[in-house]
Amino acid sequence: MANKVIISVAITGGIHTPTMSPHLPITPDQIAEQSIAAAKAGASIIHLHARDPKDGRPTPDPEVFLQFLPRIKQNCDAVINITTGGGLNMTVDQRLAAPMVAKPEMCSLNMGSMNFALHGLADR
């Protein structure tokens, strides 16, 4: 037991933008493919945010989550962890919409404000 490790991977993260990296998965297919590859490489937990496939913005829309969650679940045995994080103006109901529909094994929960100190990085 002393040598066992749990690896959690955040495929998209919540703050990154497509301008920060051309490797950021934003479409449901890209998110599913990278999630499955991470599980095959040893990840035990897949922490997932959904992205609007048109522009890469984070979205709490359950319909977008449902475009990749079943495919991931069918192709690996990693624990699915859906974010409940979101923008400052999101309601609790908006944050919980996808987990309430998808019923993942795990959810994240931010209890306070977050400061990622990305001043000026979005333009790089």
Protein backbone atom coordinates (compact mmCIF):
# COMPACT_ATOMS: atom_id res chain seq x y z
CA MET A 1 0.00 0.00 0.00
CA ALA A 2 2.88 2.41 0.68
CA ASN A 3 3.80 2.46 -3.01
CA LYS A 4 0.32 3.20 -4.35
CA VAL A 5 -0.46 6.63 -5.78
CA ILE A 6 -3.68 8.28 -6.92
CA ILE A 7 -3.16 10.47 -9.97
CA SER A 8 -5.82 13.05 -10.75
CA VAL A 9 -5.70 14.89 -14.06
CA ALA A 10 -7.61 18.02 -15.07
CA ILE A 11 -8.00 17.69 -18.81
CA THR A 12 -9.07 21.27 -19.55
CA GLY A 13 -8.81 23.10 -16.26
CA GLY A 14 -11.19 25.92 -15.57
CA ILE A 15 -9.15 29.02 -16.30
CA HIS A 16 -7.10 28.21 -19.36
CA THR A 17 -8.05 29.63 -22.72
CA PRO A 18 -7.32 28.40 -26.25
CA THR A 19 -4.96 31.37 -26.70
CA MET A 20 -2.76 30.01 -23.87
CA SER A 21 -2.08 26.69 -25.60
CA PRO A 22 -2.99 25.10 -28.91
CA HIS A 23 -3.13 21.77 -27.03
CA LEU A 24 -6.09 22.71 -24.82
CA PRO A 25 -8.95 20.33 -25.65
CA ILE A 26 -12.18 22.23 -26.23
CA THR A 27 -14.41 19.94 -28.28
CA PRO A 28 -16.20 16.97 -26.74
CA ASP A 29 -14.14 14.62 -28.94
CA GLN A 30 -10.85 16.20 -27.83
CA ILE A 31 -11.88 16.09 -24.16
CA ALA A 32 -12.92 12.42 -24.44
CA GLU A 33 -9.76 11.40 -26.32
CA GLN A 34 -7.40 13.13 -23.88
CA SER A 35 -9.33 11.78 -20.86
CA ILE A 36 -9.14 8.21 -22.11
CA ALA A 37 -5.45 8.61 -22.96
CA ALA A 38 -4.75 9.98 -19.47
CA ALA A 39 -6.51 7.01 -17.87
CA LYS A 40 -4.53 4.59 -20.03
CA ALA A 41 -1.34 6.40 -18.94
CA GLY A 42 -2.21 5.85 -15.28
CA ALA A 43 -4.62 8.57 -14.14
CA SER A 44 -7.11 7.32 -11.54
CA ILE A 45 -9.34 10.41 -11.49
CA ILE A 46 -10.39 12.54 -14.46
CA HIS A 47 -11.39 16.06 -13.32
CA LEU A 48 -13.59 17.53 -16.04
CA HIS A 49 -14.78 20.93 -17.14
CA ALA A 50 -16.92 21.32 -20.26
CA ARG A 51 -16.05 23.82 -22.95
CA ASP A 52 -18.18 25.53 -25.54
CA PRO A 53 -16.86 23.78 -28.68
CA LYS A 54 -17.21 27.01 -30.71
CA ASP A 55 -14.91 29.25 -28.68
CA GLY A 56 -13.47 27.20 -25.79
CA ARG A 57 -15.21 29.14 -23.00
CA PRO A 58 -16.03 27.04 -19.92
CA THR A 59 -19.70 26.07 -19.79
CA PRO A 60 -21.85 24.43 -17.11
CA ASP A 61 -24.27 23.12 -19.78
CA PRO A 62 -25.15 19.47 -19.00
CA GLU A 63 -25.75 18.84 -22.71
CA VAL A 64 -22.09 19.58 -23.44
CA PHE A 65 -20.92 17.31 -20.60
CA LEU A 66 -23.13 14.52 -21.95
CA GLN A 67 -21.36 14.74 -25.30
CA PHE A 68 -18.15 13.34 -23.74
CA LEU A 69 -18.92 11.73 -20.36
CA PRO A 70 -20.50 8.48 -21.66
CA ARG A 71 -17.61 7.92 -24.08
CA ILE A 72 -15.04 8.36 -21.31
CA LYS A 73 -16.91 6.06 -18.94
CA GLN A 74 -17.26 3.35 -21.63
CA ASN A 75 -13.55 3.41 -22.48
CA CYS A 76 -11.77 3.55 -19.11
CA ASP A 77 -12.26 2.80 -15.45
CA ALA A 78 -11.06 6.13 -14.06
CA VAL A 79 -13.24 7.94 -11.52
CA ILE A 80 -15.15 10.75 -13.22
CA ASN A 81 -14.92 14.04 -11.29
CA ILE A 82 -17.12 16.86 -12.63
CA THR A 83 -16.40 20.42 -11.61
CA THR A 84 -18.99 22.58 -9.90
CA GLY A 85 -16.75 25.59 -10.38
CA GLY A 86 -17.67 28.42 -12.64
CA GLY A 87 -17.76 32.12 -13.21
CA LEU A 88 -18.41 34.62 -10.44
CA ASN A 89 -21.93 35.27 -11.69
CA MET A 90 -23.00 31.62 -11.84
CA THR A 91 -25.74 30.51 -9.48
CA VAL A 92 -25.53 27.37 -7.36
CA ASP A 93 -28.17 25.80 -9.64
CA GLN A 94 -26.01 26.50 -12.71
CA ARG A 95 -22.96 25.00 -10.98
CA LEU A 96 -24.87 21.86 -10.03
CA ALA A 97 -26.70 21.37 -13.35
CA ALA A 98 -24.26 18.90 -14.95
CA PRO A 99 -23.57 16.79 -11.84
CA MET A 100 -27.31 16.51 -11.14
CA VAL A 101 -27.88 15.14 -14.65
CA ALA A 102 -24.72 13.06 -15.12
CA LYS A 103 -24.43 11.65 -11.57
CA PRO A 104 -20.61 11.32 -11.55
CA GLU A 105 -18.70 9.40 -8.89
CA MET A 106 -17.11 12.63 -7.64
CA CYS A 107 -17.48 16.43 -7.82
CA SER A 108 -15.21 19.28 -6.89
CA LEU A 109 -16.52 22.18 -4.82
CA ASN A 110 -14.92 25.58 -4.32
CA MET A 111 -16.09 27.14 -1.08
CA GLY A 112 -14.70 30.61 -1.63
CA SER A 113 -13.32 32.96 -4.22
CA MET A 114 -10.33 31.85 -6.27
CA ASN A 115 -7.43 34.03 -7.38
CA PHE A 116 -5.34 32.47 -10.14
CA ALA A 117 -3.18 35.60 -10.64
CA LEU A 118 -3.24 35.39 -14.42
CA HIS A 119 -2.89 39.11 -14.98
CA GLY A 120 -1.77 39.60 -18.57
CA LEU A 121 -1.38 35.87 -19.30
CA ALA A 122 -4.57 35.59 -21.34
CA ASP A 123 -2.98 37.77 -24.01
CA ARG A 124 0.13 35.59 -24.36
